[in-house]
Amino acid sequence: MKIRKGDTVRVLSGKNKGKTARVLMVDPEKMRIWVEGVNLVKRHSRPTQKNPKGGVVEKEGSLHISKVMLMDTKANMPTRVGYHIVRSEDGRVSSKLRISKKSGENI
Protein backbone atom coordinates (compact mmCIF):
# COMPACT_ATOMS: atom_id res chain seq x y z
CA MET A 1 0.00 0.00 0.00
CA LYS A 2 1.19 3.47 -0.81
CA ILE A 3 -0.19 5.03 2.38
CA ARG A 4 1.24 3.99 5.74
CA LYS A 5 0.54 4.58 9.42
CA GLY A 6 1.64 8.07 10.48
CA ASP A 7 1.30 9.65 7.01
CA THR A 8 -0.64 12.87 6.57
CA VAL A 9 -3.54 12.54 4.12
CA ARG A 10 -6.35 14.69 2.72
CA VAL A 11 -9.88 13.29 2.42
CA LEU A 12 -11.13 13.52 -1.18
CA SER A 13 -14.81 12.65 -0.83
CA GLY A 14 -17.58 12.10 1.68
CA LYS A 15 -18.83 14.12 4.62
CA ASN A 16 -15.29 14.99 5.72
CA LYS A 17 -14.08 16.14 2.29
CA GLY A 18 -11.12 18.52 2.47
CA LYS A 19 -9.95 17.55 5.97
CA THR A 20 -6.25 16.89 6.46
CA ALA A 21 -5.23 14.47 9.21
CA ARG A 22 -2.83 11.71 10.29
CA VAL A 23 -3.35 8.00 9.51
CA LEU A 24 -3.90 5.95 12.68
CA MET A 25 -4.13 2.44 11.27
CA VAL A 26 -4.00 0.63 7.92
CA ASP A 27 -5.63 -2.68 6.87
CA PRO A 28 -4.00 -3.73 3.56
CA GLU A 29 -6.16 -6.85 3.12
CA LYS A 30 -9.44 -4.88 3.13
CA MET A 31 -7.86 -1.72 1.60
CA ARG A 32 -9.17 0.40 4.50
CA ILE A 33 -7.56 3.06 6.70
CA TRP A 34 -8.46 4.89 9.90
CA VAL A 35 -7.77 8.63 9.92
CA GLU A 36 -7.61 10.80 13.05
CA GLY A 37 -10.85 12.75 13.59
CA VAL A 38 -12.43 11.60 10.31
CA ASN A 39 -15.56 9.44 9.84
CA LEU A 40 -16.47 9.49 13.53
CA VAL A 41 -18.99 6.83 14.57
CA LYS A 42 -20.80 6.34 17.87
CA ARG A 43 -20.46 3.03 19.71
CA HIS A 44 -22.37 2.04 22.81
CA SER A 45 -20.15 0.50 25.49
CA ARG A 46 -21.20 -1.34 28.59
CA PRO A 47 -19.61 -0.53 31.95
CA THR A 48 -16.21 -2.19 32.48
CA GLN A 49 -13.40 -1.78 35.00
CA LYS A 50 -11.58 0.56 32.62
CA ASN A 51 -14.74 2.56 31.87
CA PRO A 52 -17.07 2.17 34.88
CA LYS A 53 -19.72 4.54 33.50
CA GLY A 54 -20.07 2.99 30.04
CA GLY A 55 -22.19 5.05 27.64
CA VAL A 56 -21.79 6.27 24.09
CA VAL A 57 -18.20 6.53 22.82
CA GLU A 58 -17.24 8.35 19.61
CA LYS A 59 -14.33 6.87 17.66
CA GLU A 60 -12.93 6.82 14.14
CA GLY A 61 -14.41 4.52 11.53
CA SER A 62 -12.58 3.16 8.51
CA LEU A 63 -12.37 4.72 5.05
CA HIS A 64 -11.53 3.08 1.75
CA ILE A 65 -7.99 3.88 0.62
CA SER A 66 -9.29 5.52 -2.59
CA LYS A 67 -11.05 8.23 -0.55
CA VAL A 68 -7.76 9.79 0.61
CA MET A 69 -4.61 11.18 -0.98
CA LEU A 70 -1.16 11.55 0.55
CA MET A 71 -0.04 15.09 1.35
CA ASP A 72 3.30 16.34 0.03
CA THR A 73 5.04 18.04 2.96
CA LYS A 74 7.12 20.36 0.76
CA ALA A 75 4.31 21.64 -1.51
CA ASN A 76 1.55 21.22 1.13
CA MET A 77 -0.66 19.73 -1.60
CA PRO A 78 -2.08 16.24 -2.19
CA THR A 79 0.14 14.10 -4.41
CA ARG A 80 0.25 10.72 -6.05
CA VAL A 81 2.87 8.27 -4.83
CA GLY A 82 5.56 6.69 -6.97
CA TYR A 83 8.49 4.44 -6.20
CA HIS A 84 12.21 4.74 -6.86
CA ILE A 85 14.06 1.44 -6.71
CA VAL A 86 17.70 1.63 -5.62
CA ARG A 87 19.86 -1.26 -6.84
CA SER A 88 23.28 -2.35 -5.60
CA GLU A 89 26.25 -2.99 -7.93
CA ASP A 90 25.34 -6.67 -8.42
CA GLY A 91 21.81 -5.77 -9.59
CA ARG A 92 19.89 -6.66 -6.43
CA VAL A 93 17.23 -4.36 -5.06
CA SER A 94 18.70 -2.67 -2.00
CA SER A 95 15.79 -0.35 -1.19
CA LYS A 96 12.46 0.87 -2.51
CA LEU A 97 11.74 4.54 -1.77
CA ARG A 98 8.37 6.29 -1.94
CA ILE A 99 8.52 9.54 -3.90
CA SER A 100 6.06 12.36 -4.45
CA LYS A 101 4.89 12.67 -8.05
CA LYS A 102 4.30 16.42 -7.53
CA SER A 103 7.73 17.44 -6.22
CA GLY A 104 9.85 14.34 -6.91
CA GLU A 105 11.11 14.35 -3.31
CA ASN A 106 11.33 11.32 -0.99
CA ILE A 107 8.44 10.88 1.39
PDB file of N, CA and C in Angstrom:
ATOM      1  N   MET A   1       0.830  -1.186   0.000  1.00  0.00           N
ATOM      2  CA  MET A   1       0.000   0.000   0.000  1.00  0.00           C
ATOM      3  C   MET A   1       0.872   1.246   0.000  1.00  0.00           C
ATOM      4  N   LYS A   2       0.393   2.258  -0.662  1.00  0.00           N
ATOM      5  CA  LYS A   2       1.185   3.469  -0.807  1.00  0.00           C
ATOM      6  C   LYS A   2       1.037   4.415   0.374  1.00  0.00           C
ATOM      7  N   ILE A   3       0.012   4.205   1.191  1.00  0.00           N
ATOM      8  CA  ILE A   3      -0.190   5.034   2.376  1.00  0.00           C
ATOM      9  C   ILE A   3       0.082   4.176   3.600  1.00  0.00           C
ATOM     10  N   ARG A   4       0.833   4.731   4.544  1.00  0.00           N
ATOM     11  CA  ARG A   4       1.237   3.989   5.739  1.00  0.00           C
ATOM     12  C   ARG A   4       0.792   4.713   6.999  1.00  0.00           C
ATOM     13  N   LYS A   5       0.879   4.007   8.115  1.00  0.00           N
ATOM     14  CA  LYS A   5       0.541   4.581   9.416  1.00  0.00           C
ATOM     15  C   LYS A   5       1.452   5.776   9.688  1.00  0.00           C
ATOM     16  N   GLY A   6       0.862   6.867  10.161  1.00  0.00           N
ATOM     17  CA  GLY A   6       1.637   8.067  10.480  1.00  0.00           C
ATOM     18  C   GLY A   6       1.702   9.083   9.347  1.00  0.00           C
ATOM     19  N   ASP A   7       1.316   8.710   8.138  1.00  0.00           N
ATOM     20  CA  ASP A   7       1.305   9.647   7.014  1.00  0.00           C
ATOM     21  C   ASP A   7       0.210  10.694   7.205  1.00  0.00           C
ATOM     22  N   THR A   8       0.389  11.842   6.580  1.00  0.00           N
ATOM     23  CA  THR A   8      -0.639  12.867   6.572  1.00  0.00           C
ATOM     24  C   THR A   8      -1.386  12.766   5.247  1.00  0.00           C
ATOM     25  N   VAL A   9      -2.720  12.702   5.322  1.00  0.00           N
ATOM     26  CA  VAL A   9      -3.536  12.540   4.123  1.00  0.00           C
ATOM     27  C   VAL A   9      -4.633  13.591   4.085  1.00  0.00           C
ATOM     28  N   ARG A  10      -5.183  13.817   2.891  1.00  0.00           N
ATOM     29  CA  ARG A  10      -6.348  14.689   2.716  1.00  0.00           C
ATOM     30  C   ARG A  10      -7.502  13.830   2.218  1.00  0.00           C
ATOM     31  N   VAL A  11      -8.688  14.037   2.805  1.00  0.00           N
ATOM     32  CA  VAL A  11      -9.877  13.290   2.425  1.00  0.00           C
ATOM     33  C   VAL A  11     -10.434  13.903   1.141  1.00  0.00           C
ATOM     34  N   LEU A  12     -10.701  13.051   0.133  1.00  0.00           N
ATOM     35  CA  LEU A  12     -11.127  13.521  -1.180  1.00  0.00           C
ATOM     36  C   LEU A  12     -12.635  13.549  -1.355  1.00  0.00           C
ATOM     37  N   SER A  13     -13.364  12.685  -0.638  1.00  0.00           N
ATOM     38  CA  SER A  13     -14.811  12.653  -0.828  1.00  0.00           C
ATOM     39  C   SER A  13     -15.494  12.211   0.447  1.00  0.00           C
ATOM     40  N   GLY A  14     -16.795  12.476   0.510  1.00  0.00           N
ATOM     41  CA  GLY A  14     -17.580  12.100   1.680  1.00  0.00           C
ATOM     42  C   GLY A  14     -17.871  13.305   2.549  1.00  0.00           C
ATOM     43  N   LYS A  15     -18.423  13.034   3.732  1.00  0.00           N
ATOM     44  CA  LYS A  15     -18.835  14.125   4.616  1.00  0.00           C
ATOM     45  C   LYS A  15     -17.661  14.902   5.205  1.00  0.00           C
ATOM     46  N   ASN A  16     -16.476  14.319   5.188  1.00  0.00           N
ATOM     47  CA  ASN A  16     -15.288  14.987   5.719  1.00  0.00           C
ATOM     48  C   ASN A  16     -14.352  15.473   4.620  1.00  0.00           C
ATOM     49  N   LYS A  17     -14.886  15.720   3.437  1.00  0.00           N
ATOM     50  CA  LYS A  17     -14.085  16.144   2.289  1.00  0.00           C
ATOM     51  C   LYS A  17     -13.283  17.399   2.609  1.00  0.00           C
ATOM     52  N   GLY A  18     -11.979  17.367   2.265  1.00  0.00           N
ATOM     53  CA  GLY A  18     -11.116  18.520   2.474  1.00  0.00           C
ATOM     54  C   GLY A  18     -10.332  18.493   3.768  1.00  0.00           C
ATOM     55  N   LYS A  19     -10.680  17.614   4.700  1.00  0.00           N
ATOM     56  CA  LYS A  19      -9.949  17.552   5.971  1.00  0.00           C
ATOM     57  C   LYS A  19      -8.579  16.930   5.753  1.00  0.00           C
ATOM     58  N   THR A  20      -7.604  17.432   6.494  1.00  0.00           N
ATOM     59  CA  THR A  20      -6.251  16.895   6.464  1.00  0.00           C
ATOM     60  C   THR A  20      -5.938  16.358   7.853  1.00  0.00           C
ATOM     61  N   ALA A  21      -5.489  15.097   7.915  1.00  0.00           N
ATOM     62  CA  ALA A  21      -5.235  14.471   9.211  1.00  0.00           C
ATOM     63  C   ALA A  21      -4.222  13.330   9.063  1.00  0.00           C
ATOM     64  N   ARG A  22      -3.837  12.760  10.210  1.00  0.00           N
ATOM     65  CA  ARG A  22      -2.826  11.707  10.287  1.00  0.00           C
ATOM     66  C   ARG A  22      -3.489  10.329  10.249  1.00  0.00           C
ATOM     67  N   VAL A  23      -2.846   9.372   9.599  1.00  0.00           N
ATOM     68  CA  VAL A  23      -3.354   8.002   9.507  1.00  0.00           C
ATOM     69  C   VAL A  23      -3.037   7.271  10.810  1.00  0.00           C
ATOM     70  N   LEU A  24      -4.064   6.677  11.427  1.00  0.00           N
ATOM     71  CA  LEU A  24      -3.904   5.952  12.684  1.00  0.00           C
ATOM     72  C   LEU A  24      -3.597   4.477  12.470  1.00  0.00           C
ATOM     73  N   MET A  25      -4.272   3.872  11.481  1.00  0.00           N
ATOM     74  CA  MET A  25      -4.130   2.437  11.273  1.00  0.00           C
ATOM     75  C   MET A  25      -4.427   2.116   9.810  1.00  0.00           C
ATOM     76  N   VAL A  26      -3.816   1.037   9.300  1.00  0.00           N
ATOM     77  CA  VAL A  26      -4.004   0.625   7.916  1.00  0.00           C
ATOM     78  C   VAL A  26      -4.307  -0.869   7.881  1.00  0.00           C
ATOM     79  N   ASP A  27      -5.311  -1.269   7.078  1.00  0.00           N
ATOM     80  CA  ASP A  27      -5.630  -2.684   6.868  1.00  0.00           C
ATOM     81  C   ASP A  27      -5.445  -2.985   5.381  1.00  0.00           C
ATOM     82  N   PRO A  28      -4.267  -3.520   4.982  1.00  0.00           N
ATOM     83  CA  PRO A  28      -3.999  -3.726   3.560  1.00  0.00           C
ATOM     84  C   PRO A  28      -4.878  -4.806   2.922  1.00  0.00           C
ATOM     85  N   GLU A  29      -5.335  -5.783   3.684  1.00  0.00           N
ATOM     86  CA  GLU A  29      -6.164  -6.850   3.117  1.00  0.00           C
ATOM     87  C   GLU A  29      -7.519  -6.311   2.655  1.00  0.00           C
ATOM     88  N   LYS A  30      -8.124  -5.435   3.450  1.00  0.00           N
ATOM     89  CA  LYS A  30      -9.436  -4.882   3.129  1.00  0.00           C
ATOM     90  C   LYS A  30      -9.341  -3.531   2.428  1.00  0.00           C
ATOM     91  N   MET A  31      -8.099  -3.017   2.246  1.00  0.00           N
ATOM     92  CA  MET A  31      -7.863  -1.716   1.605  1.00  0.00           C
ATOM     93  C   MET A  31      -8.585  -0.592   2.350  1.00  0.00           C
ATOM     94  N   ARG A  32      -8.501  -0.600   3.677  1.00  0.00           N
ATOM     95  CA  ARG A  32      -9.168   0.399   4.502  1.00  0.00           C
ATOM     96  C   ARG A  32      -8.148   1.064   5.417  1.00  0.00           C
ATOM     97  N   ILE A  33      -8.424   2.334   5.765  1.00  0.00           N
ATOM     98  CA  ILE A  33      -7.561   3.059   6.697  1.00  0.00           C
ATOM     99  C   ILE A  33      -8.425   3.793   7.709  1.00  0.00           C
ATOM    100  N   TRP A  34      -7.820   4.095   8.855  1.00  0.00           N
ATOM    101  CA  TRP A  34      -8.462   4.889   9.899  1.00  0.00           C
ATOM    102  C   TRP A  34      -7.673   6.183  10.011  1.00  0.00           C
ATOM    103  N   VAL A  35      -8.392   7.315   9.916  1.00  0.00           N
ATOM    104  CA  VAL A  35      -7.768   8.631   9.924  1.00  0.00           C
ATOM    105  C   VAL A  35      -8.258   9.386  11.151  1.00  0.00           C
ATOM    106  N   GLU A  36      -7.338  10.086  11.807  1.00  0.00           N
ATOM    107  CA  GLU A  36      -7.613  10.798  13.055  1.00  0.00           C
ATOM    108  C   GLU A  36      -8.685  11.869  12.870  1.00  0.00           C
ATOM    109  N   GLY A  37      -9.792  11.751  13.609  1.00  0.00           N
ATOM    110  CA  GLY A  37     -10.849  12.753  13.594  1.00  0.00           C
ATOM    111  C   GLY A  37     -11.741  12.729  12.364  1.00  0.00           C
ATOM    112  N   VAL A  38     -11.653  11.701  11.538  1.00  0.00           N
ATOM    113  CA  VAL A  38     -12.435  11.603  10.312  1.00  0.00           C
ATOM    114  C   VAL A  38     -13.347  10.383  10.388  1.00  0.00           C
ATOM    115  N   ASN A  39     -14.576  10.517   9.869  1.00  0.00           N
ATOM    116  CA  ASN A  39     -15.563   9.439   9.844  1.00  0.00           C
ATOM    117  C   ASN A  39     -15.851   8.934  11.258  1.00  0.00           C
ATOM    118  N   LEU A  40     -16.182   9.856  12.147  1.00  0.00           N
ATOM    119  CA  LEU A  40     -16.465   9.490  13.532  1.00  0.00           C
ATOM    120  C   LEU A  40     -17.800   8.754  13.623  1.00  0.00           C
ATOM    121  N   VAL A  41     -17.792   7.644  14.357  1.00  0.00           N
ATOM    122  CA  VAL A  41     -18.993   6.834  14.568  1.00  0.00           C
ATOM    123  C   VAL A  41     -19.225   6.697  16.062  1.00  0.00           C
ATOM    124  N   LYS A  42     -20.475   6.499  16.456  1.00  0.00           N
ATOM    125  CA  LYS A  42     -20.802   6.342  17.869  1.00  0.00           C
ATOM    126  C   LYS A  42     -20.984   4.875  18.178  1.00  0.00           C
ATOM    127  N   ARG A  43     -20.365   4.414  19.251  1.00  0.00           N
ATOM    128  CA  ARG A  43     -20.462   3.034  19.707  1.00  0.00           C
ATOM    129  C   ARG A  43     -20.951   3.037  21.145  1.00  0.00           C
ATOM    130  N   HIS A  44     -21.877   2.166  21.446  1.00  0.00           N
ATOM    131  CA  HIS A  44     -22.368   2.035  22.811  1.00  0.00           C
ATOM    132  C   HIS A  44     -21.482   1.025  23.534  1.00  0.00           C
ATOM    133  N   SER A  45     -21.021   1.408  24.735  1.00  0.00           N
ATOM    134  CA  SER A  45     -20.154   0.501  25.488  1.00  0.00           C
ATOM    135  C   SER A  45     -20.760   0.246  26.859  1.00  0.00           C
ATOM    136  N   ARG A  46     -20.681  -0.991  27.282  1.00  0.00           N
ATOM    137  CA  ARG A  46     -21.202  -1.344  28.595  1.00  0.00           C
ATOM    138  C   ARG A  46     -20.162  -1.006  29.650  1.00  0.00           C
ATOM    139  N   PRO A  47     -20.568  -0.846  30.894  1.00  0.00           N
ATOM    140  CA  PRO A  47     -19.606  -0.526  31.951  1.00  0.00           C
ATOM    141  C   PRO A  47     -18.578  -1.648  32.141  1.00  0.00           C
ATOM    142  N   THR A  48     -17.310  -1.257  32.223  1.00  0.00           N
ATOM    143  CA  THR A  48     -16.211  -2.190  32.484  1.00  0.00           C
ATOM    144  C   THR A  48     -15.345  -1.603  33.588  1.00  0.00           C
ATOM    145  N   GLN A  49     -14.298  -2.320  33.965  1.00  0.00           N
ATOM    146  CA  GLN A  49     -13.403  -1.782  34.997  1.00  0.00           C
ATOM    147  C   GLN A  49     -12.636  -0.565  34.475  1.00  0.00           C
ATOM    148  N   LYS A  50     -12.278  -0.589  33.196  1.00  0.00           N
ATOM    149  CA  LYS A  50     -11.578   0.563  32.618  1.00  0.00           C
ATOM    150  C   LYS A  50     -12.508   1.759  32.476  1.00  0.00           C
ATOM    151  N   ASN A  51     -13.756   1.508  32.088  1.00  0.00           N
ATOM    152  CA  ASN A  51     -14.739   2.565  31.875  1.00  0.00           C
ATOM    153  C   ASN A  51     -15.974   2.235  32.711  1.00  0.00           C
ATOM    154  N   PRO A  52     -15.972   2.591  33.996  1.00  0.00           N
ATOM    155  CA  PRO A  52     -17.066   2.174  34.880  1.00  0.00           C
ATOM    156  C   PRO A  52     -18.423   2.780  34.532  1.00  0.00           C
ATOM    157  N   LYS A  53     -18.448   3.926  33.850  1.00  0.00           N
ATOM    158  CA  LYS A  53     -19.721   4.541  33.501  1.00  0.00           C
ATOM    159  C   LYS A  53     -20.348   3.932  32.250  1.00  0.00           C
ATOM    160  N   GLY A  54     -19.531   3.466  31.313  1.00  0.00           N
ATOM    161  CA  GLY A  54     -20.068   2.993  30.039  1.00  0.00           C
ATOM    162  C   GLY A  54     -20.563   4.166  29.226  1.00  0.00           C
ATOM    163  N   GLY A  55     -21.586   3.959  28.402  1.00  0.00           N
ATOM    164  CA  GLY A  55     -22.186   5.045  27.641  1.00  0.00           C
ATOM    165  C   GLY A  55     -21.825   5.017  26.182  1.00  0.00           C
ATOM    166  N   VAL A  56     -22.037   6.146  25.526  1.00  0.00           N
ATOM    167  CA  VAL A  56     -21.794   6.267  24.091  1.00  0.00           C
ATOM    168  C   VAL A  56     -20.391   6.834  23.887  1.00  0.00           C
ATOM    169  N   VAL A  57     -19.582   6.125  23.094  1.00  0.00           N
ATOM    170  CA  VAL A  57     -18.204   6.531  22.818  1.00  0.00           C
ATOM    171  C   VAL A  57     -18.090   6.847  21.336  1.00  0.00           C
ATOM    172  N   GLU A  58     -17.463   7.974  21.003  1.00  0.00           N
ATOM    173  CA  GLU A  58     -17.236   8.354  19.613  1.00  0.00           C
ATOM    174  C   GLU A  58     -15.816   7.977  19.229  1.00  0.00           C
ATOM    175  N   LYS A  59     -15.664   7.238  18.135  1.00  0.00           N
ATOM    176  CA  LYS A  59     -14.331   6.874  17.661  1.00  0.00           C
ATOM    177  C   LYS A  59     -14.303   6.860  16.144  1.00  0.00           C
ATOM    178  N   GLU A  60     -13.098   6.758  15.585  1.00  0.00           N
ATOM    179  CA  GLU A  60     -12.928   6.819  14.144  1.00  0.00           C
ATOM    180  C   GLU A  60     -13.390   5.518  13.487  1.00  0.00           C
ATOM    181  N   GLY A  61     -14.058   5.657  12.351  1.00  0.00           N
ATOM    182  CA  GLY A  61     -14.413   4.518  11.529  1.00  0.00           C
ATOM    183  C   GLY A  61     -13.443   4.429  10.363  1.00  0.00           C
ATOM    184  N   SER A  62     -13.524   3.345   9.608  1.00  0.00           N
ATOM    185  CA  SER A  62     -12.578   3.158   8.513  1.00  0.00           C
ATOM    186  C   SER A  62     -13.063   3.846   7.239  1.00  0.00           C
ATOM    187  N   LEU A  63     -12.113   4.149   6.379  1.00  0.00           N
ATOM    188  CA  LEU A  63     -12.369   4.718   5.048  1.00  0.00           C
ATOM    189  C   LEU A  63     -11.691   3.827   4.024  1.00  0.00           C
ATOM    190  N   HIS A  64     -12.222   3.795   2.813  1.00  0.00           N
ATOM    191  CA  HIS A  64     -11.526   3.085   1.747  1.00  0.00           C
ATOM    192  C   HIS A  64     -10.314   3.914   1.340  1.00  0.00           C
ATOM    193  N   ILE A  65      -9.258   3.227   0.948  1.00  0.00           N
ATOM    194  CA  ILE A  65      -7.992   3.881   0.623  1.00  0.00           C
ATOM    195  C   ILE A  65      -8.137   4.871  -0.539  1.00  0.00           C
ATOM    196  N   SER A  66      -9.115   4.641  -1.429  1.00  0.00           N
ATOM    197  CA  SER A  66      -9.291   5.521  -2.585  1.00  0.00           C
ATOM    198  C   SER A  66      -9.915   6.856  -2.209  1.00  0.00           C
ATOM    199  N   LYS A  67     -10.419   6.990  -0.994  1.00  0.00           N
ATOM    200  CA  LYS A  67     -11.055   8.232  -0.554  1.00  0.00           C
ATOM    201  C   LYS A  67     -10.060   9.270  -0.041  1.00  0.00           C
ATOM    202  N   VAL A  68      -8.771   8.877   0.076  1.00  0.00           N
ATOM    203  CA  VAL A  68      -7.761   9.794   0.609  1.00  0.00           C
ATOM    204  C   VAL A  68      -6.581   9.886  -0.345  1.00  0.00           C
ATOM    205  N   MET A  69      -5.815  10.974  -0.185  1.00  0.00           N
ATOM    206  CA  MET A  69      -4.615  11.179  -0.982  1.00  0.00           C
ATOM    207  C   MET A  69      -3.504  11.685  -0.076  1.00  0.00           C
ATOM    208  N   LEU A  70      -2.315  11.184  -0.270  1.00  0.00           N
ATOM    209  CA  LEU A  70      -1.162  11.548   0.546  1.00  0.00           C
ATOM    210  C   LEU A  70      -0.804  13.013   0.341  1.00  0.00           C
ATOM    211  N   MET A  71      -0.444  13.690   1.431  1.00  0.00           N
ATOM    212  CA  MET A  71      -0.045  15.094   1.354  1.00  0.00           C
ATOM    213  C   MET A  71       1.466  15.194   1.163  1.00  0.00           C
ATOM    214  N   ASP A  72       1.887  16.045   0.243  1.00  0.00           N
ATOM    215  CA  ASP A  72       3.301  16.342   0.030  1.00  0.00           C
ATOM    216  C   ASP A  72       3.694  17.408   1.041  1.00  0.00           C
ATOM    217  N   THR A  73       4.664  17.111   1.897  1.00  0.00           N
ATOM    218  CA  THR A  73       5.043  18.038   2.962  1.00  0.00           C
ATOM    219  C   THR A  73       5.704  19.304   2.409  1.00  0.00           C
ATOM    220  N   LYS A  74       6.431  19.191   1.320  1.00  0.00           N
ATOM    221  CA  LYS A  74       7.122  20.355   0.755  1.00  0.00           C
ATOM    222  C   LYS A  74       6.134  21.327   0.094  1.00  0.00           C
ATOM    223  N   ALA A  75       5.246  20.791  -0.765  1.00  0.00           N
ATOM    224  CA  ALA A  75       4.315  21.638  -1.510  1.00  0.00           C
ATOM    225  C   ALA A  75       3.022  21.884  -0.742  1.00  0.00           C
ATOM    226  N   ASN A  76       2.777  21.141   0.330  1.00  0.00           N
ATOM    227  CA  ASN A  76       1.554  21.215   1.129  1.00  0.00           C
ATOM    228  C   ASN A  76       0.308  21.015   0.252  1.00  0.00           C
ATOM    229  N   MET A  77       0.430  20.079  -0.688  1.00  0.00           N
ATOM    230  CA  MET A  77      -0.659  19.734  -1.599  1.00  0.00           C
ATOM    231  C   MET A  77      -0.770  18.212  -1.669  1.00  0.00           C
ATOM    232  N   PRO A  78      -1.962  17.688  -2.006  1.00  0.00           N
ATOM    233  CA  PRO A  78      -2.077  16.243  -2.192  1.00  0.00           C
ATOM    234  C   PRO A  78      -1.274  15.792  -3.412  1.00  0.00           C
ATOM    235  N   THR A  79      -0.697  14.604  -3.331  1.00  0.00           N
ATOM    236  CA  THR A  79       0.139  14.102  -4.408  1.00  0.00           C
ATOM    237  C   THR A  79      -0.052  12.612  -4.599  1.00  0.00           C
ATOM    238  N   ARG A  80       0.218  12.155  -5.803  1.00  0.00           N
ATOM    239  CA  ARG A  80       0.254  10.720  -6.047  1.00  0.00           C
ATOM    240  C   ARG A  80       1.593  10.188  -5.579  1.00  0.00           C
ATOM    241  N   VAL A  81       1.662   8.884  -5.357  1.00  0.00           N
ATOM    242  CA  VAL A  81       2.867   8.265  -4.827  1.00  0.00           C
ATOM    243  C   VAL A  81       3.500   7.398  -5.900  1.00  0.00           C
ATOM    244  N   GLY A  82       4.802   7.550  -6.068  1.00  0.00           N
ATOM    245  CA  GLY A  82       5.565   6.695  -6.968  1.00  0.00           C
ATOM    246  C   GLY A  82       6.669   6.022  -6.185  1.00  0.00           C
ATOM    247  N   TYR A  83       7.399   5.155  -6.852  1.00  0.00           N
ATOM    248  CA  TYR A  83       8.493   4.442  -6.196  1.00  0.00           C
ATOM    249  C   TYR A  83       9.777   4.630  -6.981  1.00  0.00           C
ATOM    250  N   HIS A  84      10.882   4.710  -6.262  1.00  0.00           N
ATOM    251  CA  HIS A  84      12.208   4.741  -6.855  1.00  0.00           C
ATOM    252  C   HIS A  84      12.959   3.553  -6.283  1.00  0.00           C
ATOM    253  N   ILE A  85      13.379   2.655  -7.163  1.00  0.00           N
ATOM    254  CA  ILE A  85      14.056   1.442  -6.713  1.00  0.00           C
ATOM    255  C   ILE A  85      15.552   1.662  -6.813  1.00  0.00           C
ATOM    256  N   VAL A  86      16.251   1.467  -5.682  1.00  0.00           N
ATOM    257  CA  VAL A  86      17.700   1.629  -5.622  1.00  0.00           C
ATOM    258  C   VAL A  86      18.314   0.236  -5.691  1.00  0.00           C
ATOM    259  N   ARG A  87      19.210   0.047  -6.656  1.00  0.00           N
ATOM    260  CA  ARG A  87      19.857  -1.260  -6.836  1.00  0.00           C
ATOM    261  C   ARG A  87      21.329  -1.168  -6.439  1.00  0.00           C
ATOM    262  N   SER A  88      21.853  -2.289  -5.937  1.00  0.00           N
ATOM    263  CA  SER A  88      23.281  -2.350  -5.603  1.00  0.00           C
ATOM    264  C   SER A  88      24.073  -2.674  -6.870  1.00  0.00           C
ATOM    265  N   GLU A  89      25.400  -2.767  -6.759  1.00  0.00           N
ATOM    266  CA  GLU A  89      26.246  -2.994  -7.926  1.00  0.00           C
ATOM    267  C   GLU A  89      25.992  -4.335  -8.600  1.00  0.00           C
ATOM    268  N   ASP A  90      25.579  -5.342  -7.823  1.00  0.00           N
ATOM    269  CA  ASP A  90      25.342  -6.665  -8.421  1.00  0.00           C
ATOM    270  C   ASP A  90      23.924  -6.809  -8.980  1.00  0.00           C
ATOM    271  N   GLY A  91      23.133  -5.743  -8.970  1.00  0.00           N
ATOM    272  CA  GLY A  91      21.812  -5.767  -9.586  1.00  0.00           C
ATOM    273  C   GLY A  91      20.659  -6.074  -8.641  1.00  0.00           C
ATOM    274  N   ARG A  92      20.959  -6.377  -7.394  1.00  0.00           N
ATOM    275  CA  ARG A  92      19.893  -6.662  -6.429  1.00  0.00           C
ATOM    276  C   ARG A  92      19.220  -5.373  -5.971  1.00  0.00           C
ATOM    277  N   VAL A  93      17.958  -5.513  -5.584  1.00  0.00           N
ATOM    278  CA  VAL A  93      17.225  -4.360  -5.060  1.00  0.00           C
ATOM    279  C   VAL A  93      17.669  -4.129  -3.627  1.00  0.00           C
ATOM    280  N   SER A  94      18.245  -2.952  -3.360  1.00  0.00           N
ATOM    281  CA  SER A  94      18.702  -2.669  -1.996  1.00  0.00           C
ATOM    282  C   SER A  94      17.647  -1.907  -1.198  1.00  0.00           C
ATOM    283  N   SER A  95      16.871  -1.040  -1.878  1.00  0.00           N
ATOM    284  CA  SER A  95      15.789  -0.346  -1.186  1.00  0.00           C
ATOM    285  C   SER A  95      14.768   0.170  -2.194  1.00  0.00           C
ATOM    286  N   LYS A  96      13.559   0.368  -1.690  1.00  0.00           N
ATOM    287  CA  LYS A  96      12.460   0.873  -2.507  1.00  0.00           C
ATOM    288  C   LYS A  96      11.929   2.108  -1.800  1.00  0.00           C
ATOM    289  N   LEU A  97      12.101   3.282  -2.395  1.00  0.00           N
ATOM    290  CA  LEU A  97      11.736   4.543  -1.769  1.00  0.00           C
ATOM    291  C   LEU A  97      10.432   5.066  -2.338  1.00  0.00           C
ATOM    292  N   ARG A  98       9.588   5.617  -1.478  1.00  0.00           N
ATOM    293  CA  ARG A  98       8.372   6.290  -1.940  1.00  0.00           C
ATOM    294  C   ARG A  98       8.739   7.711  -2.318  1.00  0.00           C
ATOM    295  N   ILE A  99       8.257   8.170  -3.467  1.00  0.00           N
ATOM    296  CA  ILE A  99       8.517   9.540  -3.899  1.00  0.00           C
ATOM    297  C   ILE A  99       7.193  10.236  -4.230  1.00  0.00           C
ATOM    298  N   SER A 100       7.217  11.543  -4.108  1.00  0.00           N
ATOM    299  CA  SER A 100       6.064  12.360  -4.447  1.00  0.00           C
ATOM    300  C   SER A 100       6.081  12.649  -5.942  1.00  0.00           C
ATOM    301  N   LYS A 101       4.973  12.407  -6.617  1.00  0.00           N
ATOM    302  CA  LYS A 101       4.894  12.675  -8.052  1.00  0.00           C
ATOM    303  C   LYS A 101       4.862  14.181  -8.325  1.00  0.00           C
ATOM    304  N   LYS A 102       4.405  14.969  -7.341  1.00  0.00           N
ATOM    305  CA  LYS A 102       4.301  16.424  -7.529  1.00  0.00           C
ATOM    306  C   LYS A 102       5.654  17.103  -7.451  1.00  0.00           C
ATOM    307  N   SER A 103       6.450  16.763  -6.411  1.00  0.00           N
ATOM    308  CA  SER A 103       7.728  17.436  -6.218  1.00  0.00           C
ATOM    309  C   SER A 103       8.928  16.561  -6.554  1.00  0.00           C
ATOM    310  N   GLY A 104       8.745  15.255  -6.632  1.00  0.00           N
ATOM    311  CA  GLY A 104       9.852  14.345  -6.907  1.00  0.00           C
ATOM    312  C   GLY A 104      10.703  14.030  -5.691  1.00  0.00           C
ATOM    313  N   GLU A 105      10.342  14.557  -4.531  1.00  0.00           N
ATOM    314  CA  GLU A 105      11.105  14.345  -3.308  1.00  0.00           C
ATOM    315  C   GLU A 105      10.723  13.027  -2.627  1.00  0.00           C
ATOM    316  N   ASN A 106      11.638  12.515  -1.797  1.00  0.00           N
ATOM    317  CA  ASN A 106      11.333  11.324  -0.992  1.00  0.00           C
ATOM    318  C   ASN A 106      10.305  11.661   0.071  1.00  0.00           C
ATOM    319  N   ILE A 107       9.457  10.690   0.359  1.00  0.00           N
ATOM    320  CA  ILE A 107       8.440  10.884   1.389  1.00  0.00           C
ATOM    321  C   ILE A 107       8.927  10.256   2.673  1.00  0.00           C
TER     322      ILE A 107
END
